[in-house]
Amino acid sequence: MSRQCRTAAVLLLAAASVACLPIPTPSPTVDPQSAASPTPTSTLDPTPTQWSTPTPTELPPVEITVYFTDFDNYASATLPYEVGVTRVVSGSASLPEAVLDAFFVGPTPDETAAGLVAITSNCTGFSALEIEDTIARVYLTGPCNSGGATYSVAVLLAINLTQFDEVTYVKIYDENGQTGQPDGYSNSIPAILEP
């Protein structure tokens, strides 16, 4: 092999070796100011969760039955003495309480003209109604007194409340919180409503 060929072969090998070497990349230069404070990136501010308060759904009105005394039937001892009339109340109302409220308001003028009366035995209303375990407890207000009558507000309160499935017994308390039989599954009236 001639000298020129050998020189060409060595040069070719050297060139091939250089081609296989990694090419150095320049290392990045670090600016001391940018290294101290990183560049802020754009981020979205968190959006606060917005809670919407649910709007109470207004329940449709409901009809209730309120019992008053038919005075003519009572005076002539003709049953039934009680007649049910319809009232419309809010669908969210406590229906037993709404019935008692309507009873103490009394009959409408047309109902009064038809002979209906609210026998209240001088009670002016009630301060509380509690229903638990099929017993309704009614706490009356005002100077209640049956005047010795056998037919009193107690009869009407019992009829008005026992129309509801959750009420089997009615215990009526006077304005001082007294009733004849406060305990047990039975009806009860205070001494002032006794005949």
N, C-alpha and C. Protein backbone atom coordinates (compact mmCIF):
# COMPACT_ATOMS: atom_id res chain seq x y z
N MET A 1 0.86 -1.14 0.00
CA MET A 1 0.00 0.00 0.00
C MET A 1 0.91 1.22 0.00
N SER A 2 0.54 2.13 -0.79
CA SER A 2 1.40 3.27 -0.93
C SER A 2 1.17 4.23 0.22
N ARG A 3 2.11 5.03 0.32
CA ARG A 3 2.08 5.97 1.40
C ARG A 3 0.89 6.89 1.27
N GLN A 4 0.52 7.24 0.18
CA GLN A 4 -0.59 8.15 -0.03
C GLN A 4 -1.90 7.46 0.34
N CYS A 5 -1.97 6.22 0.04
CA CYS A 5 -3.20 5.49 0.39
C CYS A 5 -3.31 5.36 1.89
N ARG A 6 -2.18 5.08 2.53
CA ARG A 6 -2.22 4.96 3.98
C ARG A 6 -2.61 6.26 4.61
N THR A 7 -2.12 7.35 4.15
CA THR A 7 -2.44 8.65 4.70
C THR A 7 -3.91 8.93 4.50
N ALA A 8 -4.44 8.58 3.37
CA ALA A 8 -5.87 8.81 3.10
C ALA A 8 -6.72 7.95 4.01
N ALA A 9 -6.28 6.70 4.25
CA ALA A 9 -7.04 5.81 5.13
C ALA A 9 -7.03 6.32 6.55
N VAL A 10 -5.91 6.82 7.02
CA VAL A 10 -5.82 7.36 8.39
C VAL A 10 -6.70 8.58 8.50
N LEU A 11 -6.70 9.41 7.52
CA LEU A 11 -7.54 10.61 7.56
C LEU A 11 -9.03 10.24 7.56
N LEU A 12 -9.35 9.23 6.78
CA LEU A 12 -10.74 8.79 6.75
C LEU A 12 -11.16 8.24 8.10
N LEU A 13 -10.28 7.45 8.70
CA LEU A 13 -10.59 6.91 10.03
C LEU A 13 -10.71 8.03 11.05
N ALA A 14 -9.88 8.99 11.00
CA ALA A 14 -9.93 10.11 11.93
C ALA A 14 -11.22 10.89 11.74
N ALA A 15 -11.61 11.08 10.50
CA ALA A 15 -12.85 11.82 10.22
C ALA A 15 -14.06 11.04 10.71
N ALA A 16 -14.01 9.72 10.52
CA ALA A 16 -15.13 8.89 10.97
C ALA A 16 -15.20 8.89 12.49
N SER A 17 -14.05 8.88 13.15
CA SER A 17 -14.03 8.90 14.61
C SER A 17 -14.59 10.21 15.14
N VAL A 18 -14.23 11.28 14.51
CA VAL A 18 -14.72 12.60 14.94
C VAL A 18 -16.22 12.68 14.75
N ALA A 19 -16.74 12.07 13.70
CA ALA A 19 -18.19 12.12 13.44
C ALA A 19 -18.97 11.38 14.51
N CYS A 20 -18.34 10.40 15.16
CA CYS A 20 -19.04 9.63 16.20
C CYS A 20 -18.99 10.31 17.55
N LEU A 21 -18.16 11.28 17.73
CA LEU A 21 -18.08 11.98 19.02
C LEU A 21 -19.30 12.88 19.21
N PRO A 22 -19.75 13.02 20.45
CA PRO A 22 -20.89 13.91 20.68
C PRO A 22 -20.51 15.34 20.42
N ILE A 23 -21.47 16.08 19.94
CA ILE A 23 -21.23 17.49 19.66
C ILE A 23 -21.52 18.25 20.94
N PRO A 24 -20.58 18.98 21.42
CA PRO A 24 -20.82 19.72 22.66
C PRO A 24 -21.84 20.83 22.42
N THR A 25 -22.76 20.96 23.40
CA THR A 25 -23.75 22.03 23.32
C THR A 25 -23.36 23.08 24.34
N PRO A 26 -23.61 24.29 23.99
CA PRO A 26 -23.21 25.33 24.95
C PRO A 26 -24.10 25.25 26.19
N SER A 27 -23.52 25.39 27.36
CA SER A 27 -24.31 25.37 28.59
C SER A 27 -25.03 26.71 28.73
N PRO A 28 -26.26 26.66 29.24
CA PRO A 28 -27.01 27.92 29.33
C PRO A 28 -26.38 28.85 30.34
N THR A 29 -26.47 30.08 30.00
CA THR A 29 -25.95 31.08 30.93
C THR A 29 -27.07 31.48 31.86
N VAL A 30 -26.75 31.63 33.11
CA VAL A 30 -27.75 31.98 34.12
C VAL A 30 -27.56 33.43 34.49
N ASP A 31 -28.64 34.17 34.34
CA ASP A 31 -28.63 35.56 34.75
C ASP A 31 -28.87 35.58 36.26
N PRO A 32 -27.98 36.18 37.05
CA PRO A 32 -28.15 36.15 38.50
C PRO A 32 -29.48 36.75 38.96
N GLN A 33 -30.01 37.73 38.27
CA GLN A 33 -31.29 38.32 38.69
C GLN A 33 -32.44 37.35 38.44
N SER A 34 -32.40 36.68 37.29
CA SER A 34 -33.50 35.76 37.01
C SER A 34 -33.41 34.52 37.87
N ALA A 35 -32.23 34.15 38.30
CA ALA A 35 -32.09 32.98 39.17
C ALA A 35 -32.66 33.28 40.55
N ALA A 36 -32.56 34.51 40.98
CA ALA A 36 -33.05 34.86 42.31
C ALA A 36 -34.57 34.93 42.35
N SER A 37 -35.17 35.39 41.29
CA SER A 37 -36.64 35.47 41.31
C SER A 37 -37.17 34.81 40.05
N PRO A 38 -37.80 33.65 40.21
CA PRO A 38 -38.31 32.95 39.03
C PRO A 38 -39.39 33.76 38.34
N THR A 39 -39.46 33.59 37.06
CA THR A 39 -40.45 34.30 36.28
C THR A 39 -41.83 33.75 36.61
N PRO A 40 -42.75 34.61 37.00
CA PRO A 40 -44.09 34.10 37.33
C PRO A 40 -44.77 33.57 36.08
N THR A 41 -45.50 32.51 36.29
CA THR A 41 -46.26 31.97 35.18
C THR A 41 -47.70 32.40 35.35
N SER A 42 -48.39 32.42 34.29
CA SER A 42 -49.79 32.84 34.32
C SER A 42 -50.64 31.70 34.87
N THR A 43 -51.34 31.96 36.00
CA THR A 43 -52.27 30.97 36.57
C THR A 43 -53.61 31.64 36.78
N LEU A 44 -54.63 30.84 36.78
CA LEU A 44 -55.96 31.38 37.02
C LEU A 44 -56.18 31.50 38.52
N ASP A 45 -56.75 32.60 38.93
CA ASP A 45 -57.12 32.73 40.33
C ASP A 45 -58.24 31.75 40.61
N PRO A 46 -58.19 31.11 41.78
CA PRO A 46 -59.28 30.17 42.08
C PRO A 46 -60.60 30.92 42.17
N THR A 47 -61.58 30.38 41.52
CA THR A 47 -62.91 30.97 41.57
C THR A 47 -63.63 30.46 42.80
N PRO A 48 -64.12 31.35 43.65
CA PRO A 48 -64.82 30.86 44.84
C PRO A 48 -66.08 30.09 44.43
N THR A 49 -66.33 29.02 45.16
CA THR A 49 -67.53 28.22 44.89
C THR A 49 -68.73 29.03 45.32
N GLN A 50 -69.67 29.14 44.46
CA GLN A 50 -70.87 29.89 44.79
C GLN A 50 -71.97 28.92 45.14
N TRP A 51 -72.47 29.03 46.38
CA TRP A 51 -73.56 28.18 46.85
C TRP A 51 -74.84 28.97 46.71
N SER A 52 -75.78 28.38 46.11
CA SER A 52 -77.06 29.07 46.03
C SER A 52 -77.98 28.49 47.09
N THR A 53 -78.57 29.37 47.85
CA THR A 53 -79.50 28.93 48.87
C THR A 53 -80.77 28.48 48.17
N PRO A 54 -81.20 27.25 48.44
CA PRO A 54 -82.40 26.79 47.76
C PRO A 54 -83.61 27.62 48.17
N THR A 55 -84.37 27.98 47.20
CA THR A 55 -85.60 28.72 47.47
C THR A 55 -86.63 27.74 48.00
N PRO A 56 -87.18 28.06 49.19
CA PRO A 56 -88.18 27.12 49.70
C PRO A 56 -89.34 26.99 48.72
N THR A 57 -89.68 25.76 48.49
CA THR A 57 -90.79 25.51 47.58
C THR A 57 -92.08 25.73 48.34
N GLU A 58 -92.88 26.61 47.85
CA GLU A 58 -94.16 26.89 48.49
C GLU A 58 -95.09 25.73 48.18
N LEU A 59 -95.55 25.10 49.25
CA LEU A 59 -96.48 24.00 49.07
C LEU A 59 -97.85 24.55 48.72
N PRO A 60 -98.60 23.85 47.91
CA PRO A 60 -99.93 24.35 47.56
C PRO A 60 -100.84 24.33 48.78
N PRO A 61 -101.80 25.22 48.82
CA PRO A 61 -102.74 25.26 49.95
C PRO A 61 -103.50 23.93 50.05
N VAL A 62 -103.92 23.62 51.26
CA VAL A 62 -104.69 22.41 51.50
C VAL A 62 -105.98 22.77 52.23
N GLU A 63 -106.96 21.91 52.05
CA GLU A 63 -108.24 22.11 52.74
C GLU A 63 -108.23 21.33 54.05
N ILE A 64 -108.79 21.95 55.08
CA ILE A 64 -108.98 21.27 56.35
C ILE A 64 -110.45 21.33 56.71
N THR A 65 -110.86 20.44 57.59
CA THR A 65 -112.24 20.43 58.07
C THR A 65 -112.24 20.88 59.52
N VAL A 66 -113.08 21.86 59.80
CA VAL A 66 -113.22 22.39 61.16
C VAL A 66 -114.66 22.13 61.59
N TYR A 67 -114.81 21.56 62.77
CA TYR A 67 -116.15 21.23 63.27
C TYR A 67 -116.65 22.30 64.24
N PHE A 68 -117.88 22.76 63.98
CA PHE A 68 -118.60 23.67 64.88
C PHE A 68 -119.90 22.99 65.29
N THR A 69 -120.57 23.59 66.24
CA THR A 69 -121.84 23.04 66.72
C THR A 69 -123.00 23.63 65.94
N ASP A 70 -123.89 22.77 65.48
CA ASP A 70 -125.14 23.22 64.87
C ASP A 70 -126.10 23.48 66.03
N PHE A 71 -126.31 24.74 66.33
CA PHE A 71 -127.07 25.11 67.53
C PHE A 71 -128.49 24.55 67.49
N ASP A 72 -129.14 24.58 66.34
CA ASP A 72 -130.51 24.06 66.25
C ASP A 72 -130.55 22.56 66.54
N ASN A 73 -129.60 21.82 66.00
CA ASN A 73 -129.55 20.37 66.28
C ASN A 73 -129.29 20.13 67.77
N TYR A 74 -128.38 20.89 68.34
CA TYR A 74 -128.05 20.73 69.75
C TYR A 74 -129.27 21.06 70.62
N ALA A 75 -129.93 22.15 70.32
CA ALA A 75 -131.10 22.58 71.12
C ALA A 75 -132.25 21.59 71.02
N SER A 76 -132.38 20.92 69.88
CA SER A 76 -133.47 19.96 69.71
C SER A 76 -133.03 18.52 69.95
N ALA A 77 -131.79 18.34 70.45
CA ALA A 77 -131.23 17.01 70.71
C ALA A 77 -131.26 16.12 69.47
N THR A 78 -130.97 16.73 68.32
CA THR A 78 -130.93 16.01 67.05
C THR A 78 -129.47 15.82 66.63
N LEU A 79 -129.06 14.57 66.55
CA LEU A 79 -127.69 14.30 66.12
C LEU A 79 -127.57 14.40 64.61
N PRO A 80 -126.43 14.75 64.07
CA PRO A 80 -125.21 15.11 64.79
C PRO A 80 -125.25 16.57 65.23
N TYR A 81 -124.61 16.83 66.34
CA TYR A 81 -124.53 18.21 66.83
C TYR A 81 -123.45 19.00 66.09
N GLU A 82 -122.46 18.29 65.58
CA GLU A 82 -121.31 18.95 64.95
C GLU A 82 -121.41 18.89 63.43
N VAL A 83 -121.01 19.99 62.82
CA VAL A 83 -121.01 20.09 61.36
C VAL A 83 -119.61 20.53 60.93
N GLY A 84 -119.04 19.83 59.96
CA GLY A 84 -117.72 20.19 59.45
C GLY A 84 -117.82 21.20 58.33
N VAL A 85 -116.96 22.19 58.40
CA VAL A 85 -116.86 23.20 57.33
C VAL A 85 -115.42 23.21 56.83
N THR A 86 -115.23 23.72 55.64
CA THR A 86 -113.91 23.70 55.01
C THR A 86 -113.21 25.05 55.17
N ARG A 87 -111.93 24.95 55.46
CA ARG A 87 -111.05 26.12 55.45
C ARG A 87 -109.85 25.75 54.58
N VAL A 88 -109.20 26.75 54.02
CA VAL A 88 -108.00 26.54 53.22
C VAL A 88 -106.83 27.15 53.98
N VAL A 89 -105.77 26.34 54.16
CA VAL A 89 -104.59 26.80 54.88
C VAL A 89 -103.34 26.49 54.06
N SER A 90 -102.23 27.06 54.48
CA SER A 90 -100.95 26.81 53.82
C SER A 90 -100.60 25.33 53.88
N GLY A 91 -100.05 24.82 52.80
CA GLY A 91 -99.65 23.42 52.75
C GLY A 91 -98.54 23.08 53.72
N SER A 92 -97.84 24.10 54.22
CA SER A 92 -96.76 23.85 55.17
C SER A 92 -97.22 23.95 56.62
N ALA A 93 -98.50 24.22 56.83
CA ALA A 93 -99.03 24.38 58.19
C ALA A 93 -99.15 23.04 58.89
N SER A 94 -99.06 23.07 60.20
CA SER A 94 -99.40 21.89 61.01
C SER A 94 -100.91 21.80 60.97
N LEU A 95 -101.45 20.77 60.34
CA LEU A 95 -102.90 20.71 60.13
C LEU A 95 -103.70 20.62 61.42
N PRO A 96 -103.30 19.82 62.41
CA PRO A 96 -104.06 19.82 63.66
C PRO A 96 -104.08 21.21 64.32
N GLU A 97 -102.94 21.88 64.29
CA GLU A 97 -102.88 23.22 64.87
C GLU A 97 -103.72 24.21 64.07
N ALA A 98 -103.69 24.09 62.75
CA ALA A 98 -104.50 24.97 61.90
C ALA A 98 -105.98 24.78 62.17
N VAL A 99 -106.40 23.54 62.43
CA VAL A 99 -107.81 23.28 62.75
C VAL A 99 -108.19 23.97 64.05
N LEU A 100 -107.33 23.87 65.08
CA LEU A 100 -107.64 24.53 66.35
C LEU A 100 -107.65 26.05 66.19
N ASP A 101 -106.71 26.58 65.43
CA ASP A 101 -106.71 28.03 65.18
C ASP A 101 -108.03 28.46 64.55
N ALA A 102 -108.45 27.73 63.52
CA ALA A 102 -109.70 28.07 62.82
C ALA A 102 -110.90 27.90 63.73
N PHE A 103 -110.88 26.89 64.60
CA PHE A 103 -112.00 26.70 65.53
C PHE A 103 -112.14 27.91 66.44
N PHE A 104 -111.04 28.38 67.01
CA PHE A 104 -111.13 29.51 67.94
C PHE A 104 -111.41 30.83 67.23
N VAL A 105 -111.13 30.93 65.93
CA VAL A 105 -111.56 32.11 65.16
C VAL A 105 -113.08 32.11 65.06
N GLY A 106 -113.65 30.92 64.92
CA GLY A 106 -115.11 30.79 64.88
C GLY A 106 -115.65 30.68 63.48
N PRO A 107 -116.96 30.46 63.39
CA PRO A 107 -117.60 30.34 62.07
C PRO A 107 -117.64 31.68 61.34
N THR A 108 -117.73 31.60 60.03
CA THR A 108 -117.87 32.81 59.20
C THR A 108 -119.27 33.39 59.42
N PRO A 109 -119.50 34.62 59.00
CA PRO A 109 -120.86 35.19 59.13
C PRO A 109 -121.93 34.32 58.45
N ASP A 110 -121.61 33.77 57.28
CA ASP A 110 -122.59 32.90 56.61
C ASP A 110 -122.85 31.64 57.42
N GLU A 111 -121.80 31.08 58.01
CA GLU A 111 -121.96 29.88 58.82
C GLU A 111 -122.75 30.19 60.09
N THR A 112 -122.50 31.35 60.66
CA THR A 112 -123.27 31.77 61.85
C THR A 112 -124.73 31.94 61.49
N ALA A 113 -124.99 32.53 60.33
CA ALA A 113 -126.39 32.71 59.87
C ALA A 113 -127.06 31.35 59.65
N ALA A 114 -126.27 30.33 59.33
CA ALA A 114 -126.82 28.99 59.12
C ALA A 114 -126.97 28.22 60.44
N GLY A 115 -126.63 28.87 61.56
CA GLY A 115 -126.84 28.25 62.87
C GLY A 115 -125.62 27.61 63.49
N LEU A 116 -124.45 27.79 62.91
CA LEU A 116 -123.24 27.20 63.50
C LEU A 116 -122.65 28.12 64.56
N VAL A 117 -122.20 27.52 65.65
CA VAL A 117 -121.56 28.28 66.73
C VAL A 117 -120.31 27.54 67.18
N ALA A 118 -119.39 28.31 67.75
CA ALA A 118 -118.19 27.72 68.37
C ALA A 118 -118.42 27.74 69.87
N ILE A 119 -118.69 26.59 70.44
CA ILE A 119 -118.84 26.52 71.89
C ILE A 119 -117.43 26.43 72.46
N THR A 120 -116.99 27.51 73.10
CA THR A 120 -115.62 27.59 73.60
C THR A 120 -115.54 27.49 75.12
N SER A 121 -116.67 27.46 75.80
CA SER A 121 -116.69 27.41 77.27
C SER A 121 -115.83 28.52 77.87
N ASN A 122 -115.90 29.69 77.27
CA ASN A 122 -115.16 30.89 77.68
C ASN A 122 -113.65 30.81 77.48
N CYS A 123 -113.14 29.76 76.86
CA CYS A 123 -111.70 29.68 76.55
C CYS A 123 -111.44 30.62 75.38
N THR A 124 -110.29 31.27 75.41
CA THR A 124 -109.97 32.24 74.35
C THR A 124 -109.07 31.67 73.26
N GLY A 125 -108.54 30.50 73.48
CA GLY A 125 -107.65 29.88 72.50
C GLY A 125 -106.81 28.82 73.17
N PHE A 126 -105.64 28.59 72.58
CA PHE A 126 -104.72 27.60 73.15
C PHE A 126 -103.30 28.13 73.01
N SER A 127 -102.47 27.77 73.98
CA SER A 127 -101.08 28.23 73.96
C SER A 127 -100.14 27.21 73.34
N ALA A 128 -100.56 25.95 73.35
CA ALA A 128 -99.70 24.91 72.79
C ALA A 128 -100.52 23.68 72.43
N LEU A 129 -100.04 22.98 71.43
CA LEU A 129 -100.60 21.69 71.04
C LEU A 129 -99.43 20.75 70.85
N GLU A 130 -99.43 19.66 71.61
CA GLU A 130 -98.37 18.66 71.49
C GLU A 130 -99.01 17.33 71.11
N ILE A 131 -98.47 16.69 70.10
CA ILE A 131 -98.98 15.38 69.69
C ILE A 131 -97.82 14.41 69.74
N GLU A 132 -97.98 13.38 70.58
CA GLU A 132 -96.94 12.38 70.71
C GLU A 132 -97.57 11.06 71.09
N ASP A 133 -97.19 10.02 70.38
CA ASP A 133 -97.63 8.66 70.68
C ASP A 133 -99.16 8.56 70.74
N THR A 134 -99.82 9.13 69.76
CA THR A 134 -101.29 9.15 69.57
C THR A 134 -102.05 10.00 70.59
N ILE A 135 -101.34 10.73 71.44
CA ILE A 135 -101.99 11.57 72.44
C ILE A 135 -101.78 13.03 72.07
N ALA A 136 -102.88 13.77 71.93
CA ALA A 136 -102.81 15.22 71.70
C ALA A 136 -103.01 15.90 73.05
N ARG A 137 -102.12 16.83 73.37
CA ARG A 137 -102.24 17.62 74.59
C ARG A 137 -102.48 19.06 74.18
N VAL A 138 -103.64 19.59 74.59
CA VAL A 138 -104.03 20.95 74.25
C VAL A 138 -103.99 21.78 75.52
N TYR A 139 -103.26 22.90 75.48
CA TYR A 139 -103.16 23.80 76.63
C TYR A 139 -103.99 25.04 76.33
N LEU A 140 -105.11 25.17 77.04
CA LEU A 140 -106.07 26.24 76.79
C LEU A 140 -105.65 27.55 77.44
N THR A 141 -106.16 28.65 76.90
CA THR A 141 -105.94 29.97 77.49
C THR A 141 -107.29 30.58 77.83
N GLY A 142 -107.25 31.54 78.73
CA GLY A 142 -108.48 32.24 79.10
C GLY A 142 -109.19 31.59 80.28
N PRO A 143 -110.22 32.26 80.76
CA PRO A 143 -110.95 31.78 81.94
C PRO A 143 -111.97 30.69 81.58
N CYS A 144 -111.48 29.53 81.18
CA CYS A 144 -112.36 28.44 80.74
C CYS A 144 -113.28 28.00 81.88
N ASN A 145 -114.52 27.70 81.51
CA ASN A 145 -115.48 27.17 82.48
C ASN A 145 -116.67 26.63 81.72
N SER A 146 -117.01 25.37 81.98
CA SER A 146 -118.14 24.77 81.27
C SER A 146 -119.48 25.19 81.85
N GLY A 147 -119.47 25.80 83.03
CA GLY A 147 -120.73 26.20 83.67
C GLY A 147 -121.58 24.99 84.03
N GLY A 148 -120.95 23.84 84.16
CA GLY A 148 -121.68 22.62 84.51
C GLY A 148 -122.30 21.90 83.33
N ALA A 149 -122.11 22.40 82.13
CA ALA A 149 -122.70 21.76 80.95
C ALA A 149 -121.95 20.48 80.59
N THR A 150 -122.69 19.49 80.12
CA THR A 150 -122.05 18.24 79.69
C THR A 150 -121.43 18.39 78.30
N TYR A 151 -121.95 19.32 77.52
CA TYR A 151 -121.42 19.56 76.18
C TYR A 151 -120.58 20.83 76.27
N SER A 152 -119.26 20.69 76.11
CA SER A 152 -118.35 21.83 76.27
C SER A 152 -117.33 21.86 75.14
N VAL A 153 -116.41 22.80 75.26
CA VAL A 153 -115.32 22.91 74.29
C VAL A 153 -114.55 21.60 74.19
N ALA A 154 -114.52 20.82 75.25
CA ALA A 154 -113.79 19.55 75.24
C ALA A 154 -114.31 18.62 74.16
N VAL A 155 -115.61 18.57 73.98
CA VAL A 155 -116.20 17.70 72.95
C VAL A 155 -115.72 18.14 71.57
N LEU A 156 -115.77 19.43 71.32
CA LEU A 156 -115.38 19.94 69.99
C LEU A 156 -113.88 19.80 69.73
N LEU A 157 -113.08 20.00 70.77
CA LEU A 157 -111.63 19.82 70.57
C LEU A 157 -111.32 18.37 70.24
N ALA A 158 -111.99 17.45 70.93
CA ALA A 158 -111.76 16.02 70.66
C ALA A 158 -112.19 15.66 69.24
N ILE A 159 -113.34 16.15 68.81
CA ILE A 159 -113.81 15.84 67.44
C ILE A 159 -112.87 16.45 66.40
N ASN A 160 -112.45 17.68 66.64
CA ASN A 160 -111.56 18.34 65.68
C ASN A 160 -110.19 17.66 65.59
N LEU A 161 -109.68 17.15 66.69
CA LEU A 161 -108.34 16.56 66.67
C LEU A 161 -108.32 15.09 66.28
N THR A 162 -109.35 14.34 66.64
CA THR A 162 -109.32 12.90 66.33
C THR A 162 -109.63 12.61 64.86
N GLN A 163 -109.89 13.63 64.07
CA GLN A 163 -110.03 13.39 62.63
C GLN A 163 -108.67 13.06 62.00
N PHE A 164 -107.58 13.34 62.72
CA PHE A 164 -106.23 13.07 62.22
C PHE A 164 -105.77 11.70 62.70
N ASP A 165 -105.17 10.94 61.80
CA ASP A 165 -104.73 9.58 62.12
C ASP A 165 -103.77 9.52 63.30
N GLU A 166 -102.99 10.57 63.49
CA GLU A 166 -101.99 10.54 64.55
C GLU A 166 -102.56 10.82 65.94
N VAL A 167 -103.86 11.09 66.01
CA VAL A 167 -104.49 11.41 67.31
C VAL A 167 -105.58 10.39 67.63
N THR A 168 -105.42 9.72 68.76
CA THR A 168 -106.44 8.80 69.26
C THR A 168 -107.06 9.36 70.55
N TYR A 169 -106.23 9.98 71.37
CA TYR A 169 -106.68 10.52 72.66
C TYR A 169 -106.38 12.01 72.73
N VAL A 170 -107.24 12.74 73.47
CA VAL A 170 -107.05 14.18 73.64
C VAL A 170 -107.06 14.50 75.13
N LYS A 171 -105.99 15.11 75.57
CA LYS A 171 -105.88 15.57 76.96
C LYS A 171 -105.90 17.09 76.93
N ILE A 172 -106.88 17.65 77.61
CA ILE A 172 -107.07 19.10 77.60
C ILE A 172 -106.64 19.66 78.95
N TYR A 173 -105.80 20.67 78.90
CA TYR A 173 -105.26 21.31 80.10
C TYR A 173 -105.85 22.71 80.22
N ASP A 174 -106.15 23.13 81.45
CA ASP A 174 -106.67 24.48 81.65
C ASP A 174 -105.52 25.49 81.58
N GLU A 175 -105.85 26.76 81.79
CA GLU A 175 -104.83 27.82 81.68
C GLU A 175 -103.73 27.69 82.73
N ASN A 176 -103.96 26.87 83.77
CA ASN A 176 -102.95 26.64 84.81
C ASN A 176 -102.17 25.34 84.57
N GLY A 177 -102.40 24.69 83.45
CA GLY A 177 -101.67 23.47 83.12
C GLY A 177 -102.19 22.23 83.83
N GLN A 178 -103.46 22.24 84.24
CA GLN A 178 -104.04 21.11 84.97
C GLN A 178 -105.01 20.33 84.08
N THR A 179 -105.02 19.02 84.27
CA THR A 179 -105.99 18.14 83.62
C THR A 179 -106.26 16.98 84.57
N GLY A 180 -107.38 16.31 84.37
CA GLY A 180 -107.78 15.24 85.28
C GLY A 180 -106.86 14.03 85.27
N GLN A 181 -106.49 13.54 84.10
CA GLN A 181 -105.65 12.34 83.97
C GLN A 181 -104.50 12.63 83.01
N PRO A 182 -103.43 13.22 83.52
CA PRO A 182 -102.34 13.61 82.62
C PRO A 182 -101.58 12.42 82.02
N ASP A 183 -101.64 11.27 82.68
CA ASP A 183 -100.88 10.11 82.20
C ASP A 183 -101.79 9.07 81.57
N GLY A 184 -101.20 8.23 80.75
CA GLY A 184 -101.91 7.10 80.19
C GLY A 184 -102.64 7.40 78.90
N TYR A 185 -103.08 6.31 78.27
CA TYR A 185 -103.80 6.39 77.01
C TYR A 185 -105.28 6.55 77.29
N SER A 186 -105.70 7.79 77.46
CA SER A 186 -107.10 8.10 77.74
C SER A 186 -107.34 9.57 77.44
N ASN A 187 -108.60 9.92 77.30
CA ASN A 187 -108.96 11.33 77.17
C ASN A 187 -108.96 11.93 78.57
N SER A 188 -108.78 13.25 78.63
CA SER A 188 -108.76 13.90 79.94
C SER A 188 -109.17 15.36 79.77
N ILE A 189 -109.93 15.85 80.75
CA ILE A 189 -110.31 17.27 80.78
C ILE A 189 -109.98 17.83 82.15
N PRO A 190 -109.81 19.14 82.24
CA PRO A 190 -109.56 19.74 83.55
C PRO A 190 -110.85 19.85 84.35
N ALA A 191 -110.72 20.07 85.64
CA ALA A 191 -111.89 20.17 86.53
C ALA A 191 -112.84 21.28 86.09
N ILE A 192 -112.31 22.37 85.54
CA ILE A 192 -113.18 23.50 85.16
C ILE A 192 -114.10 23.16 83.99
N LEU A 193 -113.83 22.06 83.29
CA LEU A 193 -114.71 21.66 82.18
C LEU A 193 -115.58 20.46 82.55
N GLU A 194 -115.48 20.02 83.78
CA GLU A 194 -116.34 18.91 84.24
C GLU A 194 -117.78 19.40 84.33
N PRO A 195 -118.76 18.51 84.05
CA PRO A 195 -120.18 18.91 84.19
C PRO A 195 -120.56 19.10 85.65
